[in-house]
Amino acid sequence: MALPLLKYAPTTQNSRVAPLRVGSDEDPKAASMDKAMDREDQNFVIEAAYRQIFFHAFKVDRDRTLESQLRDGQLTVRDFIRSLCLSDTFTRSFYNLNSNYKVARHLVEKLLGRQTYGKSEEIAWSAVLMTRGVKGMVDDILDSEEYLNAFGYDTVPYHRNRVVGSREVGETPFNITSPRYDAYYRGILGFPQIVFTGQARTLPERASQRRGGFPQDYLPWVRSLPALRSAPVLGNASMDYLSKVPYRSVGR
């Protein structure tokens, strides 16, 4: 039985406040197909869609048929986003590896461009995900009034209003707040790992020259010394423990 979307109380969040500020680098950058004038602009919109859903799409994850239909106007950007969320790549690499709560939070962040309104909204979308699957949840989000008012049919969803007025640092990007592996699995796999990509510095040749005081210089002299004579050390294996225990008769 399919459950309707449970009611949840919206909280006052940054995405619900109209931005009143001078433009900055953290302002949202919309990629819309209706503003694409040539093939290069169309490729930019397609890359933005892949980056929004998959964060990075390898060659095997791309669907050339959908891309061609999007360029020819047979599909809208909303339909293209829907196909990416229902693709085998998303199911295999994210849906099958996470709980319903994390999948619901991830889809809300990716498709609506905002954080979830607390645990209540996660539970509400998790119920939809449990009864109707990913397709039911994706259809409800893409057909919602909030999505259509924010992005319409031809705009790729993006992180809305990342800048917070009273803070120097804005909201954390969604690809960092919802990583593929949780902290538990990152600890098992040894993440994060520091990868050095710079040029290794080598010591100059004069640093390898010995100037006296090295222990290696005195090793042949130490080996030539006669062995020190000392009493043999007896091990515990040769000790008679029974003779060491005091004897006490029963009658005393």
C-alpha atoms as a PDB file:
ATOM      1  CA  MET A   1       0.000   0.000   0.000  1.00  0.00           C
ATOM      2  CA  ALA A   2       1.456   3.354  -1.055  1.00  0.00           C
ATOM      3  CA  LEU A   3       1.530   5.871   1.773  1.00  0.00           C
ATOM      4  CA  PRO A   4       0.999   9.570   1.076  1.00  0.00           C
ATOM      5  CA  LEU A   5       3.732  12.014   1.962  1.00  0.00           C
ATOM      6  CA  LEU A   6       3.649  12.627   5.691  1.00  0.00           C
ATOM      7  CA  LYS A   7       3.333  16.192   6.925  1.00  0.00           C
ATOM      8  CA  TYR A   8       6.432  17.900   8.249  1.00  0.00           C
ATOM      9  CA  ALA A   9       6.993  21.401   9.557  1.00  0.00           C
ATOM     10  CA  PRO A  10       9.363  23.498   7.431  1.00  0.00           C
ATOM     11  CA  THR A  11      12.143  25.088   9.429  1.00  0.00           C
ATOM     12  CA  THR A  12      13.658  28.504   8.813  1.00  0.00           C
ATOM     13  CA  GLN A  13      16.635  27.742   6.612  1.00  0.00           C
ATOM     14  CA  ASN A  14      18.913  29.720   4.386  1.00  0.00           C
ATOM     15  CA  SER A  15      17.297  28.450   1.185  1.00  0.00           C
ATOM     16  CA  ARG A  16      13.942  29.997   2.165  1.00  0.00           C
ATOM     17  CA  VAL A  17      15.354  33.519   2.507  1.00  0.00           C
ATOM     18  CA  ALA A  18      15.691  35.760  -0.535  1.00  0.00           C
ATOM     19  CA  PRO A  19      19.343  36.802  -0.998  1.00  0.00           C
ATOM     20  CA  LEU A  20      19.954  40.532  -0.564  1.00  0.00           C
ATOM     21  CA  ARG A  21      23.656  41.017  -1.246  1.00  0.00           C
ATOM     22  CA  VAL A  22      26.230  41.853  -3.893  1.00  0.00           C
ATOM     23  CA  GLY A  23      27.181  38.999  -6.188  1.00  0.00           C
ATOM     24  CA  SER A  24      30.048  36.762  -5.112  1.00  0.00           C
ATOM     25  CA  ASP A  25      31.764  33.535  -6.162  1.00  0.00           C
ATOM     26  CA  GLU A  26      29.476  31.522  -3.877  1.00  0.00           C
ATOM     27  CA  ASP A  27      26.317  32.684  -5.603  1.00  0.00           C
ATOM     28  CA  PRO A  28      24.414  29.862  -7.328  1.00  0.00           C
ATOM     29  CA  LYS A  29      25.222  29.468 -11.015  1.00  0.00           C
ATOM     30  CA  ALA A  30      22.259  28.147 -12.981  1.00  0.00           C
ATOM     31  CA  ALA A  31      22.785  26.021 -16.094  1.00  0.00           C
ATOM     32  CA  SER A  32      19.730  26.216 -18.311  1.00  0.00           C
ATOM     33  CA  MET A  33      19.124  24.592 -21.671  1.00  0.00           C
ATOM     34  CA  ASP A  34      16.866  27.399 -22.898  1.00  0.00           C
ATOM     35  CA  LYS A  35      19.875  29.756 -22.694  1.00  0.00           C
ATOM     36  CA  ALA A  36      22.223  27.393 -24.567  1.00  0.00           C
ATOM     37  CA  MET A  37      23.085  29.041 -27.864  1.00  0.00           C
ATOM     38  CA  ASP A  38      25.470  26.442 -29.320  1.00  0.00           C
ATOM     39  CA  ARG A  39      26.730  22.918 -28.787  1.00  0.00           C
ATOM     40  CA  GLU A  40      29.340  24.057 -26.283  1.00  0.00           C
ATOM     41  CA  ASP A  41      26.656  25.547 -24.053  1.00  0.00           C
ATOM     42  CA  GLN A  42      24.624  22.355 -24.358  1.00  0.00           C
ATOM     43  CA  ASN A  43      27.619  20.295 -23.276  1.00  0.00           C
ATOM     44  CA  PHE A  44      28.014  22.596 -20.262  1.00  0.00           C
ATOM     45  CA  VAL A  45      24.411  21.935 -19.224  1.00  0.00           C
ATOM     46  CA  ILE A  46      24.859  18.173 -19.635  1.00  0.00           C
ATOM     47  CA  GLU A  47      28.056  18.187 -17.575  1.00  0.00           C
ATOM     48  CA  ALA A  48      26.313  20.202 -14.871  1.00  0.00           C
ATOM     49  CA  ALA A  49      23.526  17.596 -14.724  1.00  0.00           C
ATOM     50  CA  TYR A  50      26.000  14.722 -14.392  1.00  0.00           C
ATOM     51  CA  ARG A  51      27.956  16.612 -11.748  1.00  0.00           C
ATOM     52  CA  GLN A  52      24.801  17.396  -9.769  1.00  0.00           C
ATOM     53  CA  ILE A  53      23.615  13.771  -9.568  1.00  0.00           C
ATOM     54  CA  PHE A  54      26.819  11.686  -9.821  1.00  0.00           C
ATOM     55  CA  PHE A  55      29.378  14.337  -8.738  1.00  0.00           C
ATOM     56  CA  HIS A  56      31.584  12.816 -11.457  1.00  0.00           C
ATOM     57  CA  ALA A  57      30.465  10.719 -14.407  1.00  0.00           C
ATOM     58  CA  PHE A  58      32.901   8.295 -15.974  1.00  0.00           C
ATOM     59  CA  LYS A  59      32.664   7.338 -19.613  1.00  0.00           C
ATOM     60  CA  VAL A  60      30.814   4.126 -18.802  1.00  0.00           C
ATOM     61  CA  ASP A  61      28.215   6.073 -16.768  1.00  0.00           C
ATOM     62  CA  ARG A  62      27.206   8.410 -19.582  1.00  0.00           C
ATOM     63  CA  ASP A  63      24.115   7.785 -21.704  1.00  0.00           C
ATOM     64  CA  ARG A  64      24.707   9.070 -25.236  1.00  0.00           C
ATOM     65  CA  THR A  65      21.106   8.429 -26.278  1.00  0.00           C
ATOM     66  CA  LEU A  66      19.691  10.653 -23.550  1.00  0.00           C
ATOM     67  CA  GLU A  67      22.267  13.332 -24.314  1.00  0.00           C
ATOM     68  CA  SER A  68      21.294  13.319 -27.981  1.00  0.00           C
ATOM     69  CA  GLN A  69      17.593  13.552 -27.147  1.00  0.00           C
ATOM     70  CA  LEU A  70      18.279  16.460 -24.793  1.00  0.00           C
ATOM     71  CA  ARG A  71      20.237  18.340 -27.460  1.00  0.00           C
ATOM     72  CA  ASP A  72      17.483  17.790 -30.044  1.00  0.00           C
ATOM     73  CA  GLY A  73      14.773  19.041 -27.684  1.00  0.00           C
ATOM     74  CA  GLN A  74      13.054  15.666 -27.345  1.00  0.00           C
ATOM     75  CA  LEU A  75      13.740  15.709 -23.576  1.00  0.00           C
ATOM     76  CA  THR A  76      13.645  18.492 -21.041  1.00  0.00           C
ATOM     77  CA  VAL A  77      16.343  18.934 -18.434  1.00  0.00           C
ATOM     78  CA  ARG A  78      13.872  17.695 -15.827  1.00  0.00           C
ATOM     79  CA  ASP A  79      13.378  14.456 -17.766  1.00  0.00           C
ATOM     80  CA  PHE A  80      17.137  14.099 -18.123  1.00  0.00           C
ATOM     81  CA  ILE A  81      17.592  14.509 -14.363  1.00  0.00           C
ATOM     82  CA  ARG A  82      14.855  11.947 -13.790  1.00  0.00           C
ATOM     83  CA  SER A  83      16.610   9.429 -16.039  1.00  0.00           C
ATOM     84  CA  LEU A  84      19.918   9.906 -14.201  1.00  0.00           C
ATOM     85  CA  CYS A  85      18.261   9.297 -10.814  1.00  0.00           C
ATOM     86  CA  LEU A  86      16.630   6.113 -12.116  1.00  0.00           C
ATOM     87  CA  SER A  87      19.736   4.861 -13.944  1.00  0.00           C
ATOM     88  CA  ASP A  88      21.626   1.706 -13.099  1.00  0.00           C
ATOM     89  CA  THR A  89      24.640   3.776 -12.054  1.00  0.00           C
ATOM     90  CA  PHE A  90      22.718   5.596  -9.317  1.00  0.00           C
ATOM     91  CA  THR A  91      21.044   2.384  -8.147  1.00  0.00           C
ATOM     92  CA  ARG A  92      24.238   0.364  -8.075  1.00  0.00           C
ATOM     93  CA  SER A  93      26.656   2.951  -6.703  1.00  0.00           C
ATOM     94  CA  PHE A  94      24.451   4.798  -4.202  1.00  0.00           C
ATOM     95  CA  TYR A  95      20.967   3.374  -3.560  1.00  0.00           C
ATOM     96  CA  ASN A  96      22.121  -0.189  -2.890  1.00  0.00           C
ATOM     97  CA  LEU A  97      24.909   0.990  -0.567  1.00  0.00           C
ATOM     98  CA  ASN A  98      22.994   3.316   1.790  1.00  0.00           C
ATOM     99  CA  SER A  99      19.982   3.413   4.069  1.00  0.00           C
ATOM    100  CA  ASN A 100      16.634   4.919   3.108  1.00  0.00           C
ATOM    101  CA  TYR A 101      17.260   7.934   5.331  1.00  0.00           C
ATOM    102  CA  LYS A 102      20.505   8.803   3.594  1.00  0.00           C
ATOM    103  CA  VAL A 103      19.045   8.240   0.113  1.00  0.00           C
ATOM    104  CA  ALA A 104      16.080  10.483   0.972  1.00  0.00           C
ATOM    105  CA  ARG A 105      18.368  13.205   2.322  1.00  0.00           C
ATOM    106  CA  HIS A 106      20.629  12.907  -0.710  1.00  0.00           C
ATOM    107  CA  LEU A 107      17.784  13.196  -3.240  1.00  0.00           C
ATOM    108  CA  VAL A 108      16.284  16.210  -1.480  1.00  0.00           C
ATOM    109  CA  GLU A 109      19.645  17.977  -1.471  1.00  0.00           C
ATOM    110  CA  LYS A 110      20.409  17.117  -5.094  1.00  0.00           C
ATOM    111  CA  LEU A 111      16.984  17.743  -6.604  1.00  0.00           C
ATOM    112  CA  LEU A 112      15.598  20.573  -4.453  1.00  0.00           C
ATOM    113  CA  GLY A 113      18.943  22.271  -3.803  1.00  0.00           C
ATOM    114  CA  ARG A 114      18.461  22.596  -0.047  1.00  0.00           C
ATOM    115  CA  GLN A 115      18.959  20.663   3.152  1.00  0.00           C
ATOM    116  CA  THR A 116      16.151  18.589   4.610  1.00  0.00           C
ATOM    117  CA  TYR A 117      13.863  20.188   7.171  1.00  0.00           C
ATOM    118  CA  GLY A 118      15.101  18.084  10.062  1.00  0.00           C
ATOM    119  CA  LYS A 119      14.498  14.428  10.762  1.00  0.00           C
ATOM    120  CA  SER A 120      10.767  14.725  10.134  1.00  0.00           C
ATOM    121  CA  GLU A 121      11.228  15.327   6.410  1.00  0.00           C
ATOM    122  CA  GLU A 122      13.718  12.463   6.174  1.00  0.00           C
ATOM    123  CA  ILE A 123      11.160  10.123   7.753  1.00  0.00           C
ATOM    124  CA  ALA A 124       8.410  11.403   5.435  1.00  0.00           C
ATOM    125  CA  TRP A 125      10.442  10.793   2.265  1.00  0.00           C
ATOM    126  CA  SER A 126      11.770   7.490   3.617  1.00  0.00           C
ATOM    127  CA  ALA A 127       8.178   6.241   3.865  1.00  0.00           C
ATOM    128  CA  VAL A 128       7.657   7.133   0.203  1.00  0.00           C
ATOM    129  CA  LEU A 129      10.944   5.456  -0.677  1.00  0.00           C
ATOM    130  CA  MET A 130       9.963   2.316   1.243  1.00  0.00           C
ATOM    131  CA  THR A 131       6.520   1.939  -0.342  1.00  0.00           C
ATOM    132  CA  ARG A 132       7.041   3.280  -3.883  1.00  0.00           C
ATOM    133  CA  GLY A 133      10.783   2.991  -4.427  1.00  0.00           C
ATOM    134  CA  VAL A 134      13.191   5.494  -5.946  1.00  0.00           C
ATOM    135  CA  LYS A 135      10.925   6.169  -8.931  1.00  0.00           C
ATOM    136  CA  GLY A 136       8.028   7.220  -6.720  1.00  0.00           C
ATOM    137  CA  MET A 137      10.157   9.598  -4.685  1.00  0.00           C
ATOM    138  CA  VAL A 138      11.895  11.114  -7.705  1.00  0.00           C
ATOM    139  CA  ASP A 139       8.563  11.632  -9.490  1.00  0.00           C
ATOM    140  CA  ASP A 140       7.049  13.336  -6.441  1.00  0.00           C
ATOM    141  CA  ILE A 141      10.012  15.689  -6.054  1.00  0.00           C
ATOM    142  CA  LEU A 142      10.257  16.608  -9.743  1.00  0.00           C
ATOM    143  CA  ASP A 143       6.482  17.160  -9.966  1.00  0.00           C
ATOM    144  CA  SER A 144       6.350  19.214  -6.766  1.00  0.00           C
ATOM    145  CA  GLU A 145       5.539  22.910  -6.757  1.00  0.00           C
ATOM    146  CA  GLU A 146       8.808  23.714  -4.999  1.00  0.00           C
ATOM    147  CA  TYR A 147      10.916  22.143  -7.753  1.00  0.00           C
ATOM    148  CA  LEU A 148       8.960  23.742 -10.591  1.00  0.00           C
ATOM    149  CA  ASN A 149       9.098  27.185  -8.992  1.00  0.00           C
ATOM    150  CA  ALA A 150      12.835  26.929  -8.304  1.00  0.00           C
ATOM    151  CA  PHE A 151      14.154  25.243 -11.463  1.00  0.00           C
ATOM    152  CA  GLY A 152      11.315  24.723 -13.934  1.00  0.00           C
ATOM    153  CA  TYR A 153      11.715  22.346 -16.855  1.00  0.00           C
ATOM    154  CA  ASP A 154      15.017  23.456 -18.396  1.00  0.00           C
ATOM    155  CA  THR A 155      17.304  24.361 -15.465  1.00  0.00           C
ATOM    156  CA  VAL A 156      19.678  21.942 -13.766  1.00  0.00           C
ATOM    157  CA  PRO A 157      19.121  21.850  -9.978  1.00  0.00           C
ATOM    158  CA  TYR A 158      21.824  23.572  -7.957  1.00  0.00           C
ATOM    159  CA  HIS A 159      22.670  24.418  -4.355  1.00  0.00           C
ATOM    160  CA  ARG A 160      20.475  27.432  -3.645  1.00  0.00           C
ATOM    161  CA  ASN A 161      21.731  30.339  -1.582  1.00  0.00           C
ATOM    162  CA  ARG A 162      24.883  28.891  -0.025  1.00  0.00           C
ATOM    163  CA  VAL A 163      25.914  32.213   1.505  1.00  0.00           C
ATOM    164  CA  VAL A 164      24.780  32.871   5.079  1.00  0.00           C
ATOM    165  CA  GLY A 165      24.495  36.541   5.988  1.00  0.00           C
ATOM    166  CA  SER A 166      25.869  36.341   9.536  1.00  0.00           C
ATOM    167  CA  ARG A 167      28.722  33.906   8.813  1.00  0.00           C
ATOM    168  CA  GLU A 168      31.973  34.192   6.931  1.00  0.00           C
ATOM    169  CA  VAL A 169      31.724  30.630   5.592  1.00  0.00           C
ATOM    170  CA  GLY A 170      28.575  29.546   3.762  1.00  0.00           C
ATOM    171  CA  GLU A 171      26.780  26.226   3.799  1.00  0.00           C
ATOM    172  CA  THR A 172      28.859  23.129   3.142  1.00  0.00           C
ATOM    173  CA  PRO A 173      28.443  21.715  -0.393  1.00  0.00           C
ATOM    174  CA  PHE A 174      26.195  18.680  -0.623  1.00  0.00           C
ATOM    175  CA  ASN A 175      28.880  16.429  -2.069  1.00  0.00           C
ATOM    176  CA  ILE A 176      30.803  16.891   1.208  1.00  0.00           C
ATOM    177  CA  THR A 177      27.855  16.632   3.580  1.00  0.00           C
ATOM    178  CA  SER A 178      26.679  13.400   1.924  1.00  0.00           C
ATOM    179  CA  PRO A 179      29.817  11.446   0.994  1.00  0.00           C
ATOM    180  CA  ARG A 180      29.606   7.986  -0.520  1.00  0.00           C
ATOM    181  CA  TYR A 181      31.086   6.345   2.592  1.00  0.00           C
ATOM    182  CA  ASP A 182      30.063   7.217   6.152  1.00  0.00           C
ATOM    183  CA  ALA A 183      32.562   7.805   8.957  1.00  0.00           C
ATOM    184  CA  TYR A 184      32.352   4.139  10.007  1.00  0.00           C
ATOM    185  CA  TYR A 185      33.363   2.816   6.585  1.00  0.00           C
ATOM    186  CA  ARG A 186      35.926   5.594   6.084  1.00  0.00           C
ATOM    187  CA  GLY A 187      37.640   4.374   9.257  1.00  0.00           C
ATOM    188  CA  ILE A 188      37.710   0.799   7.978  1.00  0.00           C
ATOM    189  CA  LEU A 189      39.030   1.805   4.553  1.00  0.00           C
ATOM    190  CA  GLY A 190      41.607   4.175   6.010  1.00  0.00           C
ATOM    191  CA  PHE A 191      40.077   7.432   4.707  1.00  0.00           C
ATOM    192  CA  PRO A 192      41.011  10.194   4.471  1.00  0.00           C
ATOM    193  CA  GLN A 193      44.369   9.410   2.948  1.00  0.00           C
ATOM    194  CA  ILE A 194      46.974  12.074   2.324  1.00  0.00           C
ATOM    195  CA  VAL A 195      48.202  11.938  -1.263  1.00  0.00           C
ATOM    196  CA  PHE A 196      51.387  13.884  -2.009  1.00  0.00           C
ATOM    197  CA  THR A 197      51.304  15.280  -5.529  1.00  0.00           C
ATOM    198  CA  GLY A 198      54.260  17.664  -5.345  1.00  0.00           C
ATOM    199  CA  GLN A 199      57.907  17.165  -6.225  1.00  0.00           C
ATOM    200  CA  ALA A 200      60.005  15.269  -3.710  1.00  0.00           C
ATOM    201  CA  ARG A 201      63.057  17.132  -2.480  1.00  0.00           C
ATOM    202  CA  THR A 202      66.370  15.257  -2.358  1.00  0.00           C
ATOM    203  CA  LEU A 203      69.270  15.948   0.014  1.00  0.00           C
ATOM    204  CA  PRO A 204      72.439  17.403  -1.503  1.00  0.00           C
ATOM    205  CA  GLU A 205      75.458  15.159  -2.005  1.00  0.00           C
ATOM    206  CA  ARG A 206      77.437  16.854   0.765  1.00  0.00           C
ATOM    207  CA  ALA A 207      74.795  15.755   3.278  1.00  0.00           C
ATOM    208  CA  SER A 208      75.811  12.090   2.765  1.00  0.00           C
ATOM    209  CA  GLN A 209      79.497  12.734   3.581  1.00  0.00           C
ATOM    210  CA  ARG A 210      80.559  11.552   7.039  1.00  0.00           C
ATOM    211  CA  ARG A 211      82.250  14.108   9.225  1.00  0.00           C
ATOM    212  CA  GLY A 212      82.953  11.941  12.291  1.00  0.00           C
ATOM    213  CA  GLY A 213      80.791  10.814  15.156  1.00  0.00           C
ATOM    214  CA  PHE A 214      78.777   8.288  13.185  1.00  0.00           C
ATOM    215  CA  PRO A 215      78.207   5.002  15.124  1.00  0.00           C
ATOM    216  CA  GLN A 216      78.792   3.051  11.916  1.00  0.00           C
ATOM    217  CA  ASP A 217      82.433   4.185  11.908  1.00  0.00           C
ATOM    218  CA  TYR A 218      83.109   2.419  15.252  1.00  0.00           C
ATOM    219  CA  LEU A 219      81.329  -0.843  14.446  1.00  0.00           C
ATOM    220  CA  PRO A 220      84.450  -2.734  13.186  1.00  0.00           C
ATOM    221  CA  TRP A 221      86.384  -1.677  16.298  1.00  0.00           C
ATOM    222  CA  VAL A 222      83.601  -2.890  18.614  1.00  0.00           C
ATOM    223  CA  ARG A 223      83.520  -6.254  16.858  1.00  0.00           C
ATOM    224  CA  SER A 224      87.275  -6.683  17.375  1.00  0.00           C
ATOM    225  CA  LEU A 225      87.002  -6.377  21.184  1.00  0.00           C
ATOM    226  CA  PRO A 226      87.173  -9.617  23.240  1.00  0.00           C
ATOM    227  CA  ALA A 227      83.896 -10.923  24.511  1.00  0.00           C
ATOM    228  CA  LEU A 228      83.031  -9.960  28.056  1.00  0.00           C
ATOM    229  CA  ARG A 229      83.025 -12.857  30.498  1.00  0.00           C
ATOM    230  CA  SER A 230      80.022 -13.004  32.775  1.00  0.00           C
ATOM    231  CA  ALA A 231      78.199 -15.628  34.766  1.00  0.00           C
ATOM    232  CA  PRO A 232      75.728 -17.634  32.761  1.00  0.00           C
ATOM    233  CA  VAL A 233      72.158 -16.566  33.202  1.00  0.00           C
ATOM    234  CA  LEU A 234      69.918 -19.403  34.186  1.00  0.00           C
ATOM    235  CA  GLY A 235      66.478 -19.500  32.735  1.00  0.00           C
ATOM    236  CA  ASN A 236      63.291 -20.172  34.593  1.00  0.00           C
ATOM    237  CA  ALA A 237      62.973 -23.556  32.943  1.00  0.00           C
ATOM    238  CA  SER A 238      65.730 -25.060  35.160  1.00  0.00           C
ATOM    239  CA  MET A 239      64.240 -23.804  38.443  1.00  0.00           C
ATOM    240  CA  ASP A 240      62.734 -26.376  40.815  1.00  0.00           C
ATOM    241  CA  TYR A 241      59.571 -24.710  41.946  1.00  0.00           C
ATOM    242  CA  LEU A 242      58.446 -27.553  44.225  1.00  0.00           C
ATOM    243  CA  SER A 243      61.564 -27.294  46.418  1.00  0.00           C
ATOM    244  CA  LYS A 244      60.991 -23.579  46.879  1.00  0.00           C
ATOM    245  CA  VAL A 245      57.458 -24.008  48.290  1.00  0.00           C
ATOM    246  CA  PRO A 246      57.464 -24.354  52.105  1.00  0.00           C
ATOM    247  CA  TYR A 247      56.001 -27.619  53.389  1.00  0.00           C
ATOM    248  CA  ARG A 248      53.245 -27.507  55.978  1.00  0.00           C
ATOM    249  CA  SER A 249      51.698 -30.619  57.447  1.00  0.00           C
ATOM    250  CA  VAL A 250      48.009 -30.968  58.062  1.00  0.00           C
ATOM    251  CA  GLY A 251      48.379 -31.543  61.810  1.00  0.00           C
ATOM    252  CA  ARG A 252      50.277 -28.369  62.598  1.00  0.00           C
END
